[in-house]
Amino acid sequence: MSTTWLPCGDYHQSYQEDHGWFQTRFLKGKMILLALCLFVLIPLVADSYWLSVCNTVGYTILGALGVQLLIGFCGQVTLGHAAFLAVGAYTSTLLILEFPWPGFLVNWGLAYPLSIVIAAVVAGVWSVLFGLPSAKVKGFYLILTTMAAQFITVDFIITQYVAQIGGRGQAFSLPPGTIRVGPWVIDSDLKVYYMMTILVILCIVGMANLLRSRAGRAWVAIRDNDISAEVMGINVVQYKLLAFFVAGFIGGLAGAFWISNLAAISPEHFPWFWSLWLVGVILIGGVGSLHGTVFGSLFMVLVLEILQLAIMPLADTYPKLLMDFLFIKEATFGLAICAFMIFEPNGLAYRWWQIKNYFNLWPFSY
């Protein structure tokens, strides 16, 4: 006789039950409550400012997912992931503004969705090119290779050549009504929020399922010991390059989504600091955890927004604080990473895991 809940935890009788998404009625209830909060409560109570904050959180999650895959699940260090976000953003923008789409695709609002997919594939292929050295080098040398991706892509190719297409100078402006998904014109923070929520859910679900597949198990084996993985018959180079492609694909999707939140796009939106920021997000949230990607993004974005709100009332008395907020932001970022490395090295995801297990095992928790 099987049961769905026992005082000491879940009881499973099959592999499908052990890896099922909704293993208990309690978990189903939590997921329904989460969906109601995301799609009903937040849009009702949040004003335009907080919706824009939510959109920033979603963009950070999408950007950090690829970094989490490379560092947390495959063991490949990257410090140039913003380059692939830039590739996705510029590919999607150029497809919308310059590509001669058939009239029926434009009328049906399919040009932008198709540009997102194409941009993600282009970013994935571009990521593979800079992932090729991972077949021969690792550690510090791979860090330099991924840093080269940032400087070559953003500072050289995009800034000097791509941004000059059409004689626009440095910025591509996106006229109102350009971003459409079917009959819906994405022209408000609320519509961007709904699109962001759907993309984040799809990417997290897709990533979670991918990590349970043969490729996911191979990535974890490579992360733990690539020599042992090769001895077991895993094609290490192939799976490393696949990880770079998937990470670049998600990064390109994030960049293509972010243009819906911008009136104009320029290389300044993808600085090298953003690559460091994404690494810091997964360090704070928890390396090797999808929960950590979400928690780290929430923590970093909300902490800095709260810090800015706290500084605003002091702006009249101390105007230099507002002028120097960028430096305060960077200092806060560094201090947060140092604090987590010292006091919570496993990240927020580990703390969440402990809290969740405590309640799951109550009243028999130790």
Protein backbone atom coordinates (compact mmCIF):
# COMPACT_ATOMS: atom_id res chain seq x y z
CA MET A 1 0.00 0.00 0.00
CA SER A 2 1.42 3.36 -1.01
CA THR A 3 0.97 6.73 0.61
CA THR A 4 1.70 10.29 -0.42
CA TRP A 5 2.84 11.63 2.91
CA LEU A 6 4.59 10.18 5.94
CA PRO A 7 5.80 11.95 9.09
CA CYS A 8 9.41 11.26 8.12
CA GLY A 9 9.08 12.51 4.54
CA ASP A 10 7.93 11.30 1.12
CA TYR A 11 7.47 7.64 0.30
CA HIS A 12 8.10 6.59 -3.31
CA GLN A 13 7.76 3.23 -5.02
CA SER A 14 8.99 4.05 -8.52
CA TYR A 15 11.51 6.18 -10.37
CA GLN A 16 8.68 8.29 -11.80
CA GLU A 17 7.40 9.08 -8.30
CA ASP A 18 10.88 9.91 -7.08
CA HIS A 19 11.41 12.45 -9.88
CA GLY A 20 7.85 13.67 -10.28
CA TRP A 21 7.19 17.40 -10.30
CA PHE A 22 4.24 17.28 -7.92
CA GLN A 23 4.92 14.49 -5.48
CA THR A 24 2.34 15.38 -2.80
CA ARG A 25 -0.90 17.28 -2.54
CA PHE A 26 0.88 19.76 -0.28
CA LEU A 27 3.39 20.52 -3.03
CA LYS A 28 0.60 20.88 -5.57
CA GLY A 29 -1.05 23.38 -3.26
CA LYS A 30 2.18 25.36 -2.96
CA MET A 31 2.58 25.47 -6.73
CA ILE A 32 -1.01 26.65 -7.22
CA LEU A 33 -0.45 29.34 -4.60
CA LEU A 34 2.78 30.40 -6.31
CA ALA A 35 1.00 30.61 -9.69
CA LEU A 36 -1.74 32.76 -8.17
CA CYS A 37 0.86 35.08 -6.67
CA LEU A 38 2.78 35.41 -9.94
CA PHE A 39 -0.13 35.85 -12.32
CA VAL A 40 -2.81 37.47 -10.15
CA LEU A 41 -1.58 38.98 -6.89
CA ILE A 42 1.61 40.73 -8.03
CA PRO A 43 0.01 42.37 -11.11
CA LEU A 44 -2.86 43.59 -8.90
CA VAL A 45 -0.84 45.12 -6.08
CA ALA A 46 2.39 46.20 -7.81
CA ASP A 47 2.67 49.61 -9.42
CA SER A 48 4.78 50.39 -12.50
CA TYR A 49 7.96 50.84 -10.45
CA TRP A 50 7.76 47.47 -8.70
CA LEU A 51 6.73 45.74 -11.92
CA SER A 52 9.93 47.08 -13.49
CA VAL A 53 11.84 45.69 -10.50
CA CYS A 54 10.18 42.30 -11.07
CA ASN A 55 11.18 42.47 -14.73
CA THR A 56 14.77 43.13 -13.70
CA VAL A 57 14.64 40.11 -11.39
CA GLY A 58 13.36 37.95 -14.24
CA TYR A 59 16.05 39.22 -16.61
CA THR A 60 18.69 38.44 -13.98
CA ILE A 61 17.29 34.92 -13.53
CA LEU A 62 17.38 34.27 -17.28
CA GLY A 63 20.93 35.60 -17.54
CA ALA A 64 22.17 33.68 -14.50
CA LEU A 65 20.65 30.35 -15.59
CA GLY A 66 23.32 29.91 -18.25
CA VAL A 67 26.06 30.84 -15.79
CA GLN A 68 24.61 28.36 -13.30
CA LEU A 69 24.68 25.63 -15.93
CA LEU A 70 28.32 26.26 -16.84
CA ILE A 71 29.73 26.84 -13.36
CA GLY A 72 27.32 25.04 -11.07
CA PHE A 73 26.51 21.93 -13.11
CA CYS A 74 29.36 21.52 -15.61
CA GLY A 75 32.29 23.06 -13.74
CA GLN A 76 33.26 25.47 -16.55
CA VAL A 77 34.12 28.92 -15.21
CA THR A 78 32.81 31.84 -17.26
CA LEU A 79 33.37 35.58 -16.85
CA GLY A 80 32.00 36.81 -20.16
CA HIS A 81 28.39 35.70 -20.26
CA ALA A 82 27.07 39.22 -20.92
CA ALA A 83 28.51 38.86 -24.43
CA PHE A 84 25.94 36.19 -25.30
CA LEU A 85 23.12 38.29 -23.89
CA ALA A 86 24.32 41.08 -26.17
CA VAL A 87 24.41 38.75 -29.18
CA GLY A 88 20.84 37.69 -28.50
CA ALA A 89 19.65 41.26 -28.00
CA TYR A 90 21.29 42.63 -31.14
CA THR A 91 20.31 39.65 -33.30
CA SER A 92 16.67 40.01 -32.30
CA THR A 93 16.76 43.79 -32.77
CA LEU A 94 18.32 43.58 -36.23
CA LEU A 95 15.84 40.92 -37.29
CA ILE A 96 12.96 43.14 -36.22
CA LEU A 97 14.27 46.39 -37.71
CA GLU A 98 16.19 45.24 -40.80
CA PHE A 99 14.98 41.80 -41.92
CA PRO A 100 12.25 41.81 -44.62
CA TRP A 101 9.72 39.56 -42.91
CA PRO A 102 6.78 38.32 -45.01
CA GLY A 103 3.76 40.49 -44.47
CA PHE A 104 1.61 37.76 -42.91
CA LEU A 105 4.24 37.09 -40.20
CA VAL A 106 4.32 40.77 -39.28
CA ASN A 107 0.53 41.02 -39.31
CA TRP A 108 0.18 37.93 -37.14
CA GLY A 109 2.74 39.28 -34.65
CA LEU A 110 5.18 36.40 -35.17
CA ALA A 111 8.26 38.39 -36.19
CA TYR A 112 9.39 39.08 -32.63
CA PRO A 113 8.78 35.53 -31.27
CA LEU A 114 10.68 34.07 -34.24
CA SER A 115 13.48 36.57 -33.73
CA ILE A 116 13.81 35.41 -30.10
CA VAL A 117 14.32 31.80 -31.20
CA ILE A 118 16.81 32.73 -33.94
CA ALA A 119 18.69 35.05 -31.58
CA ALA A 120 18.94 32.30 -28.97
CA VAL A 121 20.37 29.86 -31.53
CA VAL A 122 22.88 32.43 -32.81
CA ALA A 123 23.99 33.21 -29.26
CA GLY A 124 24.32 29.47 -28.55
CA VAL A 125 26.53 28.92 -31.60
CA TRP A 126 28.61 31.98 -30.69
CA SER A 127 29.02 30.61 -27.17
CA VAL A 128 30.27 27.29 -28.58
CA LEU A 129 33.02 29.12 -30.48
CA PHE A 130 34.39 30.49 -27.23
CA GLY A 131 33.77 27.18 -25.51
CA LEU A 132 36.08 25.33 -27.88
CA PRO A 133 39.18 26.07 -25.74
CA SER A 134 37.50 24.18 -22.86
CA ALA A 135 38.51 21.01 -24.71
CA LYS A 136 42.15 21.79 -23.90
CA VAL A 137 42.25 24.25 -21.02
CA LYS A 138 40.47 24.72 -17.71
CA GLY A 139 40.49 26.91 -14.62
CA PHE A 140 42.34 30.22 -14.93
CA TYR A 141 42.98 29.80 -18.66
CA LEU A 142 39.30 29.18 -19.37
CA ILE A 143 38.46 32.31 -17.39
CA LEU A 144 40.68 34.33 -19.74
CA THR A 145 39.00 32.74 -22.77
CA THR A 146 35.52 33.66 -21.60
CA MET A 147 36.68 37.17 -20.73
CA ALA A 148 37.92 37.43 -24.31
CA ALA A 149 34.37 36.64 -25.46
CA GLN A 150 33.15 39.77 -23.66
CA PHE A 151 35.77 42.13 -25.06
CA ILE A 152 35.78 40.73 -28.60
CA THR A 153 32.00 40.55 -28.89
CA VAL A 154 30.78 43.69 -27.14
CA ASP A 155 33.71 46.10 -27.16
CA PHE A 156 34.93 45.30 -30.66
CA ILE A 157 32.39 43.60 -32.97
CA ILE A 158 29.15 45.10 -31.65
CA THR A 159 30.47 48.56 -30.77
CA GLN A 160 32.60 49.10 -33.87
CA TYR A 161 30.55 47.31 -36.51
CA VAL A 162 27.11 45.98 -35.58
CA ALA A 163 26.03 49.19 -33.83
CA GLN A 164 26.88 51.14 -36.98
CA ILE A 165 24.44 49.25 -39.22
CA GLY A 166 21.96 51.63 -40.83
CA GLY A 167 23.96 54.67 -39.77
CA ARG A 168 22.37 54.71 -36.32
CA GLY A 169 25.55 55.37 -34.42
CA GLN A 170 25.68 53.52 -31.12
CA ALA A 171 22.00 52.96 -30.28
CA PHE A 172 19.16 51.07 -31.97
CA SER A 173 15.82 52.65 -31.16
CA LEU A 174 12.75 50.44 -31.04
CA PRO A 175 9.67 52.36 -32.21
CA PRO A 176 6.43 51.85 -30.23
CA GLY A 177 4.48 48.86 -31.44
CA THR A 178 7.58 47.09 -32.72
CA ILE A 179 7.53 44.36 -30.06
CA ARG A 180 4.49 42.19 -30.68
CA VAL A 181 3.58 38.66 -29.64
CA GLY A 182 0.57 37.65 -31.70
CA PRO A 183 -2.12 40.33 -31.35
CA TRP A 184 -0.57 41.73 -28.16
CA VAL A 185 1.72 44.75 -28.39
CA ILE A 186 4.27 44.63 -25.55
CA ASP A 187 4.13 48.29 -24.61
CA SER A 188 3.77 48.37 -20.81
CA ASP A 189 5.56 47.06 -17.74
CA LEU A 190 2.64 44.74 -17.01
CA LYS A 191 2.81 43.06 -20.42
CA VAL A 192 6.57 42.75 -20.14
CA TYR A 193 6.06 41.20 -16.70
CA TYR A 194 3.72 38.52 -18.03
CA MET A 195 6.09 37.68 -20.87
CA MET A 196 9.02 37.56 -18.45
CA THR A 197 7.16 35.26 -16.05
CA ILE A 198 6.27 32.81 -18.82
CA LEU A 199 9.84 32.78 -20.19
CA VAL A 200 11.36 32.25 -16.73
CA ILE A 201 9.00 29.36 -15.98
CA LEU A 202 9.68 27.71 -19.35
CA CYS A 203 13.46 28.08 -18.98
CA ILE A 204 13.55 26.76 -15.40
CA VAL A 205 11.31 23.79 -16.25
CA GLY A 206 13.36 23.07 -19.36
CA MET A 207 16.62 23.31 -17.45
CA ALA A 208 15.34 21.08 -14.65
CA ASN A 209 14.27 18.40 -17.12
CA LEU A 210 17.54 18.69 -19.03
CA LEU A 211 19.52 18.17 -15.82
CA ARG A 212 17.64 14.89 -15.23
CA SER A 213 18.56 13.62 -18.70
CA ARG A 214 21.69 11.83 -19.90
CA ALA A 215 23.28 15.19 -20.70
CA GLY A 216 22.58 16.53 -17.21
CA ARG A 217 24.16 13.51 -15.53
CA ALA A 218 27.16 13.82 -17.86
CA TRP A 219 27.59 17.49 -16.93
CA VAL A 220 27.57 16.72 -13.23
CA ALA A 221 30.11 13.91 -13.76
CA ILE A 222 32.38 16.30 -15.68
CA ARG A 223 32.04 18.90 -12.94
CA ASP A 224 32.98 16.41 -10.21
CA ASN A 225 35.90 14.79 -12.08
CA ASP A 226 36.30 15.11 -15.82
CA ILE A 227 38.97 12.38 -15.99
CA SER A 228 36.72 9.87 -14.24
CA ALA A 229 33.83 10.93 -16.52
CA GLU A 230 35.95 10.22 -19.59
CA VAL A 231 36.95 6.83 -18.20
CA MET A 232 33.24 6.01 -17.81
CA GLY A 233 32.75 6.63 -21.53
CA ILE A 234 31.43 10.19 -21.46
CA ASN A 235 32.51 12.31 -24.41
CA VAL A 236 33.79 15.19 -22.29
CA VAL A 237 34.44 17.64 -25.16
CA GLN A 238 31.02 17.03 -26.72
CA TYR A 239 29.15 17.58 -23.47
CA LYS A 240 31.20 20.65 -22.56
CA LEU A 241 30.34 22.23 -25.90
CA LEU A 242 26.70 21.26 -25.44
CA ALA A 243 26.75 23.04 -22.08
CA PHE A 244 28.17 26.16 -23.71
CA PHE A 245 25.50 26.01 -26.41
CA VAL A 246 22.63 25.67 -23.94
CA ALA A 247 24.07 28.42 -21.72
CA GLY A 248 24.47 30.72 -24.73
CA PHE A 249 20.98 29.81 -25.96
CA ILE A 250 19.40 30.87 -22.67
CA GLY A 251 21.60 33.97 -22.57
CA GLY A 252 20.50 34.93 -26.08
CA LEU A 253 16.89 34.41 -25.09
CA ALA A 254 17.42 36.70 -22.09
CA GLY A 255 18.93 39.41 -24.27
CA ALA A 256 16.15 39.12 -26.86
CA PHE A 257 13.58 39.42 -24.08
CA TRP A 258 15.28 42.45 -22.52
CA ILE A 259 14.86 44.60 -25.62
CA SER A 260 11.11 44.58 -24.88
CA ASN A 261 11.94 46.56 -21.74
CA LEU A 262 14.10 49.15 -23.51
CA ALA A 263 13.30 52.11 -25.72
CA ALA A 264 16.75 51.81 -27.32
CA ILE A 265 19.60 49.31 -27.12
CA SER A 266 23.31 50.08 -27.02
CA PRO A 267 26.55 48.27 -26.03
CA GLU A 268 26.43 50.06 -22.65
CA HIS A 269 23.60 47.72 -21.63
CA PHE A 270 26.03 44.76 -21.62
CA PRO A 271 29.18 45.78 -19.72
CA TRP A 272 31.72 43.32 -18.37
CA PHE A 273 30.49 44.12 -14.85
CA TRP A 274 27.22 42.41 -15.76
CA SER A 275 29.13 39.17 -16.37
CA LEU A 276 30.68 39.47 -12.91
CA TRP A 277 27.26 40.33 -11.50
CA LEU A 278 25.75 37.08 -12.86
CA VAL A 279 28.55 35.03 -11.29
CA GLY A 280 27.95 36.83 -7.98
CA VAL A 281 24.24 36.03 -8.22
CA ILE A 282 24.83 32.28 -8.29
CA LEU A 283 27.51 32.49 -5.58
CA ILE A 284 25.03 34.20 -3.26
CA GLY A 285 22.07 32.08 -4.30
CA GLY A 286 23.92 28.77 -4.28
CA VAL A 287 26.18 27.12 -6.85
CA GLY A 288 24.66 24.03 -8.45
CA SER A 289 21.05 24.86 -7.60
CA LEU A 290 18.22 26.20 -9.75
CA HIS A 291 16.66 27.54 -6.56
CA GLY A 292 19.92 29.38 -5.98
CA THR A 293 19.58 31.18 -9.31
CA VAL A 294 16.16 32.52 -8.30
CA PHE A 295 17.12 33.36 -4.70
CA GLY A 296 20.36 35.05 -5.75
CA SER A 297 18.57 37.19 -8.34
CA LEU A 298 15.89 38.20 -5.85
CA PHE A 299 18.45 39.02 -3.19
CA MET A 300 20.75 41.13 -5.32
CA VAL A 301 18.07 43.11 -7.15
CA LEU A 302 15.88 43.74 -4.10
CA VAL A 303 18.77 44.64 -1.78
CA LEU A 304 20.05 47.27 -4.18
CA GLU A 305 16.55 48.65 -4.84
CA ILE A 306 15.94 48.95 -1.10
CA LEU A 307 19.35 50.57 -0.68
CA GLN A 308 18.50 53.11 -3.39
CA LEU A 309 15.13 53.86 -1.76
CA ALA A 310 16.93 54.40 1.54
CA ILE A 311 19.39 56.83 -0.06
CA MET A 312 16.76 58.88 -1.91
CA PRO A 313 15.47 60.78 1.19
CA LEU A 314 19.07 61.75 1.97
CA ALA A 315 19.71 63.10 -1.52
CA ASP A 316 18.77 66.68 -0.62
CA THR A 317 21.08 66.73 2.39
CA TYR A 318 23.85 64.61 0.90
CA PRO A 319 23.60 64.92 -2.91
CA LYS A 320 26.92 63.16 -3.37
CA LEU A 321 25.35 59.92 -2.12
CA LEU A 322 23.03 59.84 -5.11
CA MET A 323 25.81 60.83 -7.48
CA ASP A 324 28.03 58.05 -6.16
CA PHE A 325 25.30 55.39 -6.03
CA LEU A 326 26.99 53.36 -8.77
CA PHE A 327 30.07 53.00 -6.57
CA ILE A 328 27.90 52.23 -3.54
CA LYS A 329 26.17 49.54 -5.61
CA GLU A 330 29.48 47.94 -6.59
CA ALA A 331 30.75 48.09 -3.01
CA THR A 332 27.54 46.47 -1.75
CA PHE A 333 27.90 43.75 -4.36
CA GLY A 334 31.45 42.98 -3.22
CA LEU A 335 30.56 43.05 0.46
CA ALA A 336 27.59 40.73 -0.11
CA ILE A 337 29.78 38.15 -1.85
CA CYS A 338 32.40 38.34 0.91
CA ALA A 339 29.75 37.97 3.62
CA PHE A 340 28.17 34.95 1.95
CA MET A 341 31.51 33.28 1.32
CA ILE A 342 32.34 33.62 5.02
CA PHE A 343 29.01 33.03 6.75
CA GLU A 344 26.90 31.11 4.20
CA PRO A 345 29.25 29.56 1.63
CA ASN A 346 26.56 27.22 0.29
CA GLY A 347 24.26 30.12 -0.54
CA LEU A 348 20.62 30.90 0.08
CA ALA A 349 19.49 27.68 -1.61
CA TYR A 350 21.13 25.61 1.14
CA ARG A 351 19.33 27.63 3.82
CA TRP A 352 16.04 27.13 1.95
CA TRP A 353 16.74 23.39 1.74
CA GLN A 354 17.25 23.26 5.50
CA ILE A 355 14.04 25.18 6.24
CA LYS A 356 12.05 23.05 3.81
CA ASN A 357 13.35 19.79 5.29
CA TYR A 358 12.59 20.99 8.79
CA PHE A 359 8.92 21.47 7.97
CA ASN A 360 8.74 18.37 5.78
CA LEU A 361 10.09 16.20 8.60
CA TRP A 362 8.25 17.94 11.46
CA PRO A 363 7.59 16.85 14.18
CA PHE A 364 10.33 14.22 13.80
CA SER A 365 13.08 16.56 12.59
CA TYR A 366 16.39 16.43 14.40
